[in-house]
């Protein structure tokens, strides 16, 4: 069994939507359907995939804007988000869409996540790492090295980017909290961990802790 990760940059902010599946299976897990849900739905149907889980790494509009359409297309799909960002799903002023002249709302969470939770998907155990700072309920998702994943994998949302970190000039954000989250939750992970970011190219933890100007020692 091999895991497949498809990245679809979506929406005006080109947020990375990730679709996880395994060879020989029809089940899929979606991370951050932040816009252009028709593109995501088209890919899923073309690959004969049915998502059972949608995980939101945080509640900003550019990471939840496609939730309603995706849930309508796949009603049995469960939406998951950290408990501290659940309110952002239903309140445009909280998810920042109101400030863009839009009123984006998402269906409510089917499961509120907490630090250390494990999401089980197709035999994988995906660990939830609470990394507040960009938003109060920001999370990263960690998959350890195993038969399906020759190297550890981290989906970092807007916590960590290639040579950058998430913005901290939004309501509820904190630079100090974000950097503390990175130090306490991400630095202990294996250096060869592949980081799939919320925007832009993928990277590795080794590279970021060596050269990222925001976090290198």
Protein backbone atom coordinates (compact mmCIF):
# COMPACT_ATOMS: atom_id res chain seq x y z
CA UNK A 1 0.00 0.00 0.00
CA UNK A 2 1.40 3.37 -1.04
CA UNK A 3 0.11 6.79 -0.08
CA UNK A 4 -0.56 9.30 -2.86
CA UNK A 5 -0.56 13.03 -2.14
CA UNK A 6 -2.10 15.36 -4.69
CA UNK A 7 -1.61 19.11 -4.26
CA UNK A 8 -4.08 21.51 -5.85
CA UNK A 9 -3.35 25.24 -5.37
CA UNK A 10 -6.81 26.81 -5.11
CA UNK A 11 -8.45 30.20 -4.78
CA UNK A 12 -7.14 33.70 -5.22
CA UNK A 13 -4.53 33.13 -2.49
CA UNK A 14 -3.38 29.84 -4.06
CA UNK A 15 -3.78 27.88 -0.87
CA UNK A 16 -2.55 24.31 -1.15
CA UNK A 17 -5.36 21.77 -0.96
CA UNK A 18 -4.02 18.27 -0.40
CA UNK A 19 -5.82 15.05 -1.26
CA UNK A 20 -4.50 11.86 0.32
CA UNK A 21 -5.36 8.39 -0.95
CA UNK A 22 -3.80 4.95 -0.98
CA UNK A 23 -3.27 2.56 -3.86
CA UNK A 24 -6.18 0.26 -4.43
CA UNK A 25 -8.57 2.22 -2.24
CA UNK A 26 -11.42 4.63 -2.92
CA UNK A 27 -11.21 6.50 0.37
CA UNK A 28 -9.66 9.96 0.42
CA UNK A 29 -8.72 12.57 3.00
CA UNK A 30 -8.77 16.24 2.03
CA UNK A 31 -6.74 18.94 3.78
CA UNK A 32 -7.80 22.60 3.37
CA UNK A 33 -10.35 23.00 0.58
CA UNK A 34 -9.72 26.74 0.44
CA UNK A 35 -11.48 27.56 -2.82
CA UNK A 36 -12.30 26.32 -6.30
CA UNK A 37 -14.14 23.28 -4.91
CA UNK A 38 -15.16 22.29 -8.42
CA UNK A 39 -11.50 21.59 -9.19
CA UNK A 40 -11.19 19.42 -6.09
CA UNK A 41 -14.44 17.57 -6.82
CA UNK A 42 -13.40 17.02 -10.44
CA UNK A 43 -10.11 15.45 -9.36
CA UNK A 44 -11.81 13.21 -6.80
CA UNK A 45 -14.37 11.93 -9.28
CA UNK A 46 -11.79 11.44 -12.02
CA UNK A 47 -9.75 9.28 -9.64
CA UNK A 48 -12.84 7.45 -8.33
CA UNK A 49 -12.19 8.75 -4.83
CA UNK A 50 -14.71 9.53 -2.11
CA UNK A 51 -13.45 11.71 0.76
CA UNK A 52 -14.42 10.55 4.22
CA UNK A 53 -12.53 13.31 6.05
CA UNK A 54 -11.84 17.01 5.48
CA UNK A 55 -9.29 18.50 7.86
CA UNK A 56 -8.93 22.28 8.14
CA UNK A 57 -5.51 23.30 9.43
CA UNK A 58 -7.11 26.55 10.59
CA UNK A 59 -10.19 28.66 10.05
CA UNK A 60 -9.16 31.46 7.69
CA UNK A 61 -11.30 31.89 4.60
CA UNK A 62 -8.56 30.84 2.19
CA UNK A 63 -8.51 27.42 3.85
CA UNK A 64 -12.25 26.80 4.30
CA UNK A 65 -13.95 28.58 1.37
CA UNK A 66 -14.73 25.34 -0.48
CA UNK A 67 -16.09 23.40 2.49
CA UNK A 68 -19.76 23.93 1.76
CA UNK A 69 -19.59 22.74 -1.84
CA UNK A 70 -17.37 19.77 -0.98
CA UNK A 71 -19.69 18.69 1.82
CA UNK A 72 -22.68 19.00 -0.53
CA UNK A 73 -20.96 16.76 -3.07
CA UNK A 74 -19.93 14.21 -0.42
CA UNK A 75 -22.47 14.45 2.45
CA UNK A 76 -20.88 11.66 4.50
CA UNK A 77 -17.55 13.48 4.67
CA UNK A 78 -16.62 14.57 8.21
CA UNK A 79 -15.21 18.07 8.74
CA UNK A 80 -12.50 18.38 11.39
CA UNK A 81 -10.84 21.47 12.85
CA UNK A 82 -9.17 22.36 16.15
CA UNK A 83 -11.65 23.35 18.82
CA UNK A 84 -10.16 26.87 19.13
CA UNK A 85 -11.00 27.65 15.48
CA UNK A 86 -14.47 26.08 15.27
CA UNK A 87 -16.20 29.44 15.56
CA UNK A 88 -14.37 30.64 12.45
CA UNK A 89 -16.25 28.13 10.31
CA UNK A 90 -19.58 29.89 10.86
CA UNK A 91 -18.60 33.52 11.42
CA UNK A 92 -17.35 35.58 8.43
CA UNK A 93 -15.93 38.24 10.75
CA UNK A 94 -13.79 35.56 12.41
CA UNK A 95 -12.62 33.80 9.23
CA UNK A 96 -11.81 37.21 7.67
CA UNK A 97 -14.07 36.77 4.64
CA UNK A 98 -16.16 39.76 5.73
CA UNK A 99 -13.14 42.02 5.30
CA UNK A 100 -12.87 40.80 1.70
CA UNK A 101 -16.46 41.72 0.93
CA UNK A 102 -17.61 38.11 1.15
CA UNK A 103 -19.69 36.21 3.68
CA UNK A 104 -18.16 32.75 3.66
CA UNK A 105 -19.58 30.18 6.03
CA UNK A 106 -18.72 26.51 6.36
CA UNK A 107 -20.80 23.64 7.66
CA UNK A 108 -20.02 23.02 11.33
CA UNK A 109 -17.30 20.68 12.48
CA UNK A 110 -18.19 17.03 12.84
CA UNK A 111 -15.17 16.56 15.10
CA UNK A 112 -13.28 19.11 17.17
CA UNK A 113 -9.59 18.30 17.31
CA UNK A 114 -7.17 18.64 20.21
CA UNK A 115 -3.40 18.49 20.52
CA UNK A 116 -2.21 14.90 20.37
CA UNK A 117 -5.35 13.54 18.73
CA UNK A 118 -4.88 10.84 16.12
CA UNK A 119 -6.86 10.79 12.88
CA UNK A 120 -7.04 7.29 11.47
CA UNK A 121 -7.22 7.08 7.70
CA UNK A 122 -6.64 4.04 5.48
CA UNK A 123 -4.37 2.41 8.01
CA UNK A 124 -2.42 5.61 8.67
CA UNK A 125 -2.29 7.28 12.05
CA UNK A 126 -2.08 11.03 11.54
CA UNK A 127 -1.11 12.97 14.66
CA UNK A 128 -2.58 16.40 15.36
CA UNK A 129 -0.04 18.99 16.56
CA UNK A 130 -1.61 22.15 17.95
CA UNK A 131 0.56 25.02 16.69
CA UNK A 132 -1.21 28.28 17.59
CA UNK A 133 0.16 31.64 16.54
CA UNK A 134 -1.24 32.22 13.06
CA UNK A 135 -4.66 31.47 14.53
CA UNK A 136 -5.55 30.23 18.02
CA UNK A 137 -6.47 26.80 16.67
CA UNK A 138 -3.83 26.33 14.00
CA UNK A 139 -2.63 22.77 13.62
CA UNK A 140 -0.07 20.69 11.76
CA UNK A 141 -0.62 17.07 10.78
CA UNK A 142 2.23 14.59 11.21
CA UNK A 143 2.58 11.15 9.62
CA UNK A 144 5.58 9.20 10.93
CA UNK A 145 7.86 7.13 8.76
CA UNK A 146 6.40 3.77 7.93
CA UNK A 147 5.76 1.19 5.18
CA UNK A 148 3.47 3.62 3.32
CA UNK A 149 5.64 6.69 4.00
CA UNK A 150 9.41 6.15 3.50
CA UNK A 151 9.99 9.58 5.07
CA UNK A 152 7.99 11.37 7.76
CA UNK A 153 5.44 13.86 6.43
CA UNK A 154 4.14 17.09 7.93
CA UNK A 155 1.25 19.18 6.63
CA UNK A 156 2.08 22.52 8.17
CA UNK A 157 -0.87 24.70 7.14
CA UNK A 158 0.10 28.33 7.65
CA UNK A 159 2.44 27.59 10.55
CA UNK A 160 5.60 27.06 8.50
CA UNK A 161 6.52 27.83 4.89
CA UNK A 162 9.66 27.51 2.85
CA UNK A 163 11.89 30.21 4.34
CA UNK A 164 8.94 31.91 6.02
CA UNK A 165 6.26 31.46 8.67
CA UNK A 166 2.60 32.33 8.93
CA UNK A 167 1.48 35.93 9.25
CA UNK A 168 0.85 37.19 12.76
CA UNK A 169 -0.84 40.52 12.01
CA UNK A 170 -4.36 39.06 12.06
CA UNK A 171 -6.80 39.12 15.00
CA UNK A 172 -5.96 36.34 17.41
CA UNK A 173 -2.44 35.91 16.02
CA UNK A 174 0.82 36.18 17.95
CA UNK A 175 4.38 36.03 16.65
CA UNK A 176 5.73 34.89 20.01
CA UNK A 177 3.15 32.11 20.22
CA UNK A 178 3.82 30.99 16.65
CA UNK A 179 7.59 30.77 17.12
CA UNK A 180 7.09 28.93 20.41
CA UNK A 181 4.81 26.45 18.63
CA UNK A 182 7.45 25.82 15.99
CA UNK A 183 10.18 25.31 18.56
CA UNK A 184 8.17 23.06 20.85
CA UNK A 185 6.17 21.03 18.34
CA UNK A 186 8.17 20.95 15.11
CA UNK A 187 11.84 21.08 16.09
CA UNK A 188 11.66 17.71 17.91
CA UNK A 189 10.41 15.97 14.73
CA UNK A 190 12.87 14.08 12.48
CA UNK A 191 14.96 16.49 10.38
CA UNK A 192 14.19 14.59 7.17
CA UNK A 193 10.47 15.25 7.58
CA UNK A 194 8.94 16.46 4.32
CA UNK A 195 6.88 19.58 4.92
CA UNK A 196 3.85 20.19 2.72
CA UNK A 197 2.98 23.82 3.36
CA UNK A 198 -0.27 25.77 3.19
CA UNK A 199 1.08 28.02 0.45
CA UNK A 200 4.02 27.64 -1.91
CA UNK A 201 6.49 24.79 -2.38
CA UNK A 202 7.20 21.90 -0.08
CA UNK A 203 10.39 21.78 1.97
CA UNK A 204 12.00 19.79 4.80
CA UNK A 205 12.38 20.54 8.48
CA UNK A 206 16.15 20.21 8.16
CA UNK A 207 16.24 22.93 5.52
CA UNK A 208 13.98 25.28 7.47
CA UNK A 209 15.76 24.97 10.78
CA UNK A 210 19.02 25.58 8.93
CA UNK A 211 18.07 28.48 6.67
CA UNK A 212 14.63 29.90 7.50
CA UNK A 213 15.41 33.46 8.65
CA UNK A 214 12.46 33.51 11.04
CA UNK A 215 13.41 30.44 13.07
CA UNK A 216 17.05 29.44 12.53
CA UNK A 217 19.29 29.62 15.54
